[in-house]
């Protein structure tokens, strides 16, 4: 099952697991921004301003929509 992860606060990714989330984050521009990758467990974990962003790895769903679909 896919889960959302925050990568630093520079991006949000949708991935199957933590390793995949790190690889996806590192494959995008500015890999130096990848200091930490943390799973998003609920609305309180979504970085401010990223609720309506489309995460890397998601087609067209926003972060909030992905979270609702996978919880």
PDB file of N, CA and C in Angstrom:
ATOM      1  N   UNK A   1       0.842  -1.177   0.000  1.00  0.00           N
ATOM      2  CA  UNK A   1       0.000   0.000   0.000  1.00  0.00           C
ATOM      3  C   UNK A   1       0.887   1.240   0.000  1.00  0.00           C
ATOM      4  N   UNK A   2       0.535   2.205  -0.814  1.00  0.00           N
ATOM      5  CA  UNK A   2       1.327   3.423  -0.878  1.00  0.00           C
ATOM      6  C   UNK A   2       1.047   4.324   0.316  1.00  0.00           C
ATOM      7  N   UNK A   3       2.025   5.161   0.644  1.00  0.00           N
ATOM      8  CA  UNK A   3       1.917   6.089   1.757  1.00  0.00           C
ATOM      9  C   UNK A   3       2.600   7.375   1.351  1.00  0.00           C
ATOM     10  N   UNK A   4       2.165   8.476   1.949  1.00  0.00           N
ATOM     11  CA  UNK A   4       2.800   9.771   1.716  1.00  0.00           C
ATOM     12  C   UNK A   4       3.972   9.941   2.662  1.00  0.00           C
ATOM     13  N   UNK A   5       5.022  10.610   2.177  1.00  0.00           N
ATOM     14  CA  UNK A   5       6.205  10.908   2.978  1.00  0.00           C
ATOM     15  C   UNK A   5       6.595  12.358   2.752  1.00  0.00           C
ATOM     16  N   UNK A   6       7.042  13.040   3.814  1.00  0.00           N
ATOM     17  CA  UNK A   6       7.642  14.358   3.634  1.00  0.00           C
ATOM     18  C   UNK A   6       9.136  14.161   3.488  1.00  0.00           C
ATOM     19  N   UNK A   7       9.718  14.924   2.618  1.00  0.00           N
ATOM     20  CA  UNK A   7      11.158  14.890   2.398  1.00  0.00           C
ATOM     21  C   UNK A   7      11.652  16.285   2.742  1.00  0.00           C
ATOM     22  N   UNK A   8      12.346  16.359   3.899  1.00  0.00           N
ATOM     23  CA  UNK A   8      12.674  17.656   4.472  1.00  0.00           C
ATOM     24  C   UNK A   8      11.349  18.386   4.499  1.00  0.00           C
ATOM     25  N   UNK A   9      11.254  19.575   4.035  1.00  0.00           N
ATOM     26  CA  UNK A   9       9.967  20.200   3.769  1.00  0.00           C
ATOM     27  C   UNK A   9      10.012  20.707   2.332  1.00  0.00           C
ATOM     28  N   UNK A  10      10.974  20.199   1.578  1.00  0.00           N
ATOM     29  CA  UNK A  10      11.156  20.638   0.206  1.00  0.00           C
ATOM     30  C   UNK A  10      10.191  19.966  -0.753  1.00  0.00           C
ATOM     31  N   UNK A  11       9.673  18.794  -0.402  1.00  0.00           N
ATOM     32  CA  UNK A  11       8.763  18.092  -1.304  1.00  0.00           C
ATOM     33  C   UNK A  11       7.968  17.040  -0.554  1.00  0.00           C
ATOM     34  N   UNK A  12       6.913  16.564  -1.193  1.00  0.00           N
ATOM     35  CA  UNK A  12       6.104  15.457  -0.689  1.00  0.00           C
ATOM     36  C   UNK A  12       6.096  14.395  -1.784  1.00  0.00           C
ATOM     37  N   UNK A  13       6.267  13.126  -1.414  1.00  0.00           N
ATOM     38  CA  UNK A  13       6.264  12.035  -2.384  1.00  0.00           C
ATOM     39  C   UNK A  13       5.258  10.966  -1.963  1.00  0.00           C
ATOM     40  N   UNK A  14       4.766  10.209  -2.935  1.00  0.00           N
ATOM     41  CA  UNK A  14       3.876   9.081  -2.684  1.00  0.00           C
ATOM     42  C   UNK A  14       4.632   7.832  -3.104  1.00  0.00           C
ATOM     43  N   UNK A  15       4.838   6.899  -2.174  1.00  0.00           N
ATOM     44  CA  UNK A  15       5.660   5.726  -2.454  1.00  0.00           C
ATOM     45  C   UNK A  15       5.156   4.524  -1.658  1.00  0.00           C
ATOM     46  N   UNK A  16       5.630   3.336  -2.049  1.00  0.00           N
ATOM     47  CA  UNK A  16       5.248   2.092  -1.379  1.00  0.00           C
ATOM     48  C   UNK A  16       5.904   1.931  -0.010  1.00  0.00           C
ATOM     49  N   UNK A  17       7.143   2.453   0.135  1.00  0.00           N
ATOM     50  CA  UNK A  17       7.858   2.288   1.399  1.00  0.00           C
ATOM     51  C   UNK A  17       8.917   3.396   1.530  1.00  0.00           C
ATOM     52  N   UNK A  18       9.594   3.409   2.658  1.00  0.00           N
ATOM     53  CA  UNK A  18      10.560   4.459   2.962  1.00  0.00           C
ATOM     54  C   UNK A  18      11.726   4.474   1.971  1.00  0.00           C
ATOM     55  N   UNK A  19      12.237   3.300   1.606  1.00  0.00           N
ATOM     56  CA  UNK A  19      13.346   3.245   0.640  1.00  0.00           C
ATOM     57  C   UNK A  19      12.938   3.805  -0.712  1.00  0.00           C
ATOM     58  N   UNK A  20      11.747   3.440  -1.178  1.00  0.00           N
ATOM     59  CA  UNK A  20      11.256   3.964  -2.453  1.00  0.00           C
ATOM     60  C   UNK A  20      11.056   5.474  -2.368  1.00  0.00           C
ATOM     61  N   UNK A  21      10.572   5.961  -1.229  1.00  0.00           N
ATOM     62  CA  UNK A  21      10.378   7.398  -1.044  1.00  0.00           C
ATOM     63  C   UNK A  21      11.711   8.137  -1.135  1.00  0.00           C
ATOM     64  N   UNK A  22      12.754   7.591  -0.515  1.00  0.00           N
ATOM     65  CA  UNK A  22      14.084   8.209  -0.587  1.00  0.00           C
ATOM     66  C   UNK A  22      14.607   8.227  -2.018  1.00  0.00           C
ATOM     67  N   UNK A  23      14.461   7.098  -2.728  1.00  0.00           N
ATOM     68  CA  UNK A  23      14.943   7.017  -4.113  1.00  0.00           C
ATOM     69  C   UNK A  23      14.213   8.011  -5.004  1.00  0.00           C
ATOM     70  N   UNK A  24      12.894   8.112  -4.838  1.00  0.00           N
ATOM     71  CA  UNK A  24      12.115   9.050  -5.633  1.00  0.00           C
ATOM     72  C   UNK A  24      12.531  10.483  -5.322  1.00  0.00           C
ATOM     73  N   UNK A  25      12.728  10.772  -4.057  1.00  0.00           N
ATOM     74  CA  UNK A  25      13.134  12.127  -3.660  1.00  0.00           C
ATOM     75  C   UNK A  25      14.500  12.479  -4.232  1.00  0.00           C
ATOM     76  N   UNK A  26      15.410  11.518  -4.238  1.00  0.00           N
ATOM     77  CA  UNK A  26      16.758  11.763  -4.748  1.00  0.00           C
ATOM     78  C   UNK A  26      16.804  11.862  -6.271  1.00  0.00           C
ATOM     79  N   UNK A  27      15.787  11.330  -6.957  1.00  0.00           N
ATOM     80  CA  UNK A  27      15.778  11.356  -8.417  1.00  0.00           C
ATOM     81  C   UNK A  27      15.304  12.693  -8.974  1.00  0.00           C
ATOM     82  N   UNK A  28      14.749  13.527  -8.132  1.00  0.00           N
ATOM     83  CA  UNK A  28      14.210  14.815  -8.556  1.00  0.00           C
ATOM     84  C   UNK A  28      15.302  15.875  -8.401  1.00  0.00           C
ATOM     85  N   UNK A  29      15.101  17.025  -8.999  1.00  0.00           N
ATOM     86  CA  UNK A  29      16.072  18.119  -8.871  1.00  0.00           C
ATOM     87  C   UNK A  29      16.425  18.389  -7.411  1.00  0.00           C
ATOM     88  N   UNK A  30      17.607  18.887  -7.200  1.00  0.00           N
ATOM     89  CA  UNK A  30      18.098  19.300  -5.877  1.00  0.00           C
ATOM     90  C   UNK A  30      18.163  18.158  -4.863  1.00  0.00           C
ATOM     91  N   UNK A  31      18.883  17.074  -5.175  1.00  0.00           N
ATOM     92  CA  UNK A  31      18.968  15.972  -4.207  1.00  0.00           C
ATOM     93  C   UNK A  31      19.609  16.389  -2.888  1.00  0.00           C
ATOM     94  N   UNK A  32      20.336  17.499  -2.885  1.00  0.00           N
ATOM     95  CA  UNK A  32      20.931  17.977  -1.634  1.00  0.00           C
ATOM     96  C   UNK A  32      19.873  18.409  -0.623  1.00  0.00           C
ATOM     97  N   UNK A  33      18.626  18.615  -1.075  1.00  0.00           N
ATOM     98  CA  UNK A  33      17.539  18.973  -0.163  1.00  0.00           C
ATOM     99  C   UNK A  33      17.053  17.788   0.658  1.00  0.00           C
ATOM    100  N   UNK A  34      17.465  16.582   0.297  1.00  0.00           N
ATOM    101  CA  UNK A  34      16.959  15.387   0.958  1.00  0.00           C
ATOM    102  C   UNK A  34      17.797  15.111   2.200  1.00  0.00           C
ATOM    103  N   UNK A  35      17.363  15.665   3.302  1.00  0.00           N
ATOM    104  CA  UNK A  35      18.035  15.444   4.586  1.00  0.00           C
ATOM    105  C   UNK A  35      17.324  14.376   5.391  1.00  0.00           C
ATOM    106  N   UNK A  36      16.011  14.346   5.280  1.00  0.00           N
ATOM    107  CA  UNK A  36      15.237  13.351   6.025  1.00  0.00           C
ATOM    108  C   UNK A  36      13.965  13.031   5.247  1.00  0.00           C
ATOM    109  N   UNK A  37      13.493  11.802   5.433  1.00  0.00           N
ATOM    110  CA  UNK A  37      12.255  11.355   4.809  1.00  0.00           C
ATOM    111  C   UNK A  37      11.405  10.766   5.926  1.00  0.00           C
ATOM    112  N   UNK A  38      10.215  11.310   6.121  1.00  0.00           N
ATOM    113  CA  UNK A  38       9.346  10.892   7.219  1.00  0.00           C
ATOM    114  C   UNK A  38       7.963  10.554   6.689  1.00  0.00           C
ATOM    115  N   UNK A  39       7.344   9.453   7.173  1.00  0.00           N
ATOM    116  CA  UNK A  39       5.987   9.118   6.731  1.00  0.00           C
ATOM    117  C   UNK A  39       4.962  10.121   7.248  1.00  0.00           C
ATOM    118  N   UNK A  40       3.957  10.355   6.444  1.00  0.00           N
ATOM    119  CA  UNK A  40       2.825  11.204   6.848  1.00  0.00           C
ATOM    120  C   UNK A  40       1.753  10.271   7.388  1.00  0.00           C
ATOM    121  N   UNK A  41       1.409  10.428   8.655  1.00  0.00           N
ATOM    122  CA  UNK A  41       0.431   9.564   9.309  1.00  0.00           C
ATOM    123  C   UNK A  41      -0.965  10.197   9.363  1.00  0.00           C
ATOM    124  N   UNK A  42      -1.016  11.525   9.325  1.00  0.00           N
ATOM    125  CA  UNK A  42      -2.303  12.215   9.424  1.00  0.00           C
ATOM    126  C   UNK A  42      -2.176  13.646   8.963  1.00  0.00           C
ATOM    127  N   UNK A  43      -3.278  14.371   9.008  1.00  0.00           N
ATOM    128  CA  UNK A  43      -3.296  15.759   8.538  1.00  0.00           C
ATOM    129  C   UNK A  43      -2.270  16.638   9.240  1.00  0.00           C
ATOM    130  N   UNK A  44      -1.991  16.362  10.495  1.00  0.00           N
ATOM    131  CA  UNK A  44      -1.048  17.174  11.266  1.00  0.00           C
ATOM    132  C   UNK A  44       0.388  17.025  10.765  1.00  0.00           C
ATOM    133  N   UNK A  45       0.676  15.965   9.990  1.00  0.00           N
ATOM    134  CA  UNK A  45       2.022  15.743   9.456  1.00  0.00           C
ATOM    135  C   UNK A  45       2.262  16.424   8.110  1.00  0.00           C
ATOM    136  N   UNK A  46       1.201  16.917   7.467  1.00  0.00           N
ATOM    137  CA  UNK A  46       1.371  17.563   6.166  1.00  0.00           C
ATOM    138  C   UNK A  46       1.980  18.945   6.395  1.00  0.00           C
ATOM    139  N   UNK A  47       3.117  19.230   5.746  1.00  0.00           N
ATOM    140  CA  UNK A  47       3.722  20.553   5.911  1.00  0.00           C
ATOM    141  C   UNK A  47       2.753  21.658   5.484  1.00  0.00           C
ATOM    142  N   UNK A  48       2.782  22.747   6.209  1.00  0.00           N
ATOM    143  CA  UNK A  48       1.896  23.869   5.921  1.00  0.00           C
ATOM    144  C   UNK A  48       2.077  24.314   4.472  1.00  0.00           C
ATOM    145  N   UNK A  49       0.972  24.459   3.769  1.00  0.00           N
ATOM    146  CA  UNK A  49       1.005  24.896   2.386  1.00  0.00           C
ATOM    147  C   UNK A  49       1.075  23.769   1.370  1.00  0.00           C
ATOM    148  N   UNK A  50       1.231  22.519   1.822  1.00  0.00           N
ATOM    149  CA  UNK A  50       1.353  21.384   0.907  1.00  0.00           C
ATOM    150  C   UNK A  50       0.073  20.563   0.798  1.00  0.00           C
ATOM    151  N   UNK A  51      -1.009  20.972   1.455  1.00  0.00           N
ATOM    152  CA  UNK A  51      -2.252  20.203   1.450  1.00  0.00           C
ATOM    153  C   UNK A  51      -2.810  20.021   0.038  1.00  0.00           C
ATOM    154  N   UNK A  52      -2.676  21.053  -0.802  1.00  0.00           N
ATOM    155  CA  UNK A  52      -3.245  21.011  -2.148  1.00  0.00           C
ATOM    156  C   UNK A  52      -2.203  20.783  -3.237  1.00  0.00           C
ATOM    157  N   UNK A  53      -0.964  20.489  -2.844  1.00  0.00           N
ATOM    158  CA  UNK A  53       0.091  20.192  -3.819  1.00  0.00           C
ATOM    159  C   UNK A  53      -0.057  18.750  -4.302  1.00  0.00           C
ATOM    160  N   UNK A  54       0.380  18.483  -5.524  1.00  0.00           N
ATOM    161  CA  UNK A  54       0.388  17.117  -6.051  1.00  0.00           C
ATOM    162  C   UNK A  54       1.751  16.513  -5.729  1.00  0.00           C
ATOM    163  N   UNK A  55       1.798  15.455  -4.893  1.00  0.00           N
ATOM    164  CA  UNK A  55       3.070  14.847  -4.511  1.00  0.00           C
ATOM    165  C   UNK A  55       3.768  14.180  -5.696  1.00  0.00           C
ATOM    166  N   UNK A  56       5.096  14.123  -5.651  1.00  0.00           N
ATOM    167  CA  UNK A  56       5.832  13.333  -6.619  1.00  0.00           C
ATOM    168  C   UNK A  56       5.368  11.893  -6.472  1.00  0.00           C
ATOM    169  N   UNK A  57       5.109  11.223  -7.574  1.00  0.00           N
ATOM    170  CA  UNK A  57       4.638   9.849  -7.536  1.00  0.00           C
ATOM    171  C   UNK A  57       3.128   9.723  -7.595  1.00  0.00           C
ATOM    172  N   UNK A  58       2.407  10.827  -7.455  1.00  0.00           N
ATOM    173  CA  UNK A  58       0.946  10.826  -7.559  1.00  0.00           C
ATOM    174  C   UNK A  58       0.566  11.381  -8.927  1.00  0.00           C
ATOM    175  N   UNK A  59      -0.511  10.888  -9.491  1.00  0.00           N
ATOM    176  CA  UNK A  59      -0.935  11.357 -10.812  1.00  0.00           C
ATOM    177  C   UNK A  59      -1.478  12.777 -10.742  1.00  0.00           C
ATOM    178  N   UNK A  60      -2.669  12.916 -10.204  1.00  0.00           N
ATOM    179  CA  UNK A  60      -3.307  14.234 -10.151  1.00  0.00           C
ATOM    180  C   UNK A  60      -3.889  14.539  -8.778  1.00  0.00           C
ATOM    181  N   UNK A  61      -3.804  13.601  -7.862  1.00  0.00           N
ATOM    182  CA  UNK A  61      -4.389  13.809  -6.542  1.00  0.00           C
ATOM    183  C   UNK A  61      -3.525  14.737  -5.709  1.00  0.00           C
ATOM    184  N   UNK A  62      -4.180  15.553  -4.900  1.00  0.00           N
ATOM    185  CA  UNK A  62      -3.455  16.421  -3.982  1.00  0.00           C
ATOM    186  C   UNK A  62      -2.971  15.606  -2.787  1.00  0.00           C
ATOM    187  N   UNK A  63      -2.102  16.187  -2.003  1.00  0.00           N
ATOM    188  CA  UNK A  63      -1.609  15.528  -0.786  1.00  0.00           C
ATOM    189  C   UNK A  63      -2.766  15.127   0.105  1.00  0.00           C
ATOM    190  N   UNK A  64      -3.729  16.030   0.299  1.00  0.00           N
ATOM    191  CA  UNK A  64      -4.889  15.746   1.154  1.00  0.00           C
ATOM    192  C   UNK A  64      -5.712  14.578   0.575  1.00  0.00           C
ATOM    193  N   UNK A  65      -5.925  14.548  -0.744  1.00  0.00           N
ATOM    194  CA  UNK A  65      -6.687  13.473  -1.368  1.00  0.00           C
ATOM    195  C   UNK A  65      -5.959  12.135  -1.246  1.00  0.00           C
ATOM    196  N   UNK A  66      -4.651  12.144  -1.435  1.00  0.00           N
ATOM    197  CA  UNK A  66      -3.865  10.910  -1.272  1.00  0.00           C
ATOM    198  C   UNK A  66      -3.959  10.397   0.146  1.00  0.00           C
ATOM    199  N   UNK A  67      -3.846  11.287   1.103  1.00  0.00           N
ATOM    200  CA  UNK A  67      -3.911  10.890   2.496  1.00  0.00           C
ATOM    201  C   UNK A  67      -5.275  10.251   2.805  1.00  0.00           C
ATOM    202  N   UNK A  68      -6.334  10.857   2.326  1.00  0.00           N
ATOM    203  CA  UNK A  68      -7.684  10.312   2.557  1.00  0.00           C
ATOM    204  C   UNK A  68      -7.846   8.944   1.881  1.00  0.00           C
ATOM    205  N   UNK A  69      -7.255   8.761   0.722  1.00  0.00           N
ATOM    206  CA  UNK A  69      -7.395   7.507  -0.012  1.00  0.00           C
ATOM    207  C   UNK A  69      -6.615   6.358   0.631  1.00  0.00           C
ATOM    208  N   UNK A  70      -5.508   6.669   1.284  1.00  0.00           N
ATOM    209  CA  UNK A  70      -4.637   5.608   1.805  1.00  0.00           C
ATOM    210  C   UNK A  70      -4.737   5.408   3.307  1.00  0.00           C
ATOM    211  N   UNK A  71      -5.567   6.154   3.995  1.00  0.00           N
ATOM    212  CA  UNK A  71      -5.753   5.939   5.443  1.00  0.00           C
ATOM    213  C   UNK A  71      -7.003   5.152   5.703  1.00  0.00           C
TER     214      UNK A  71
END
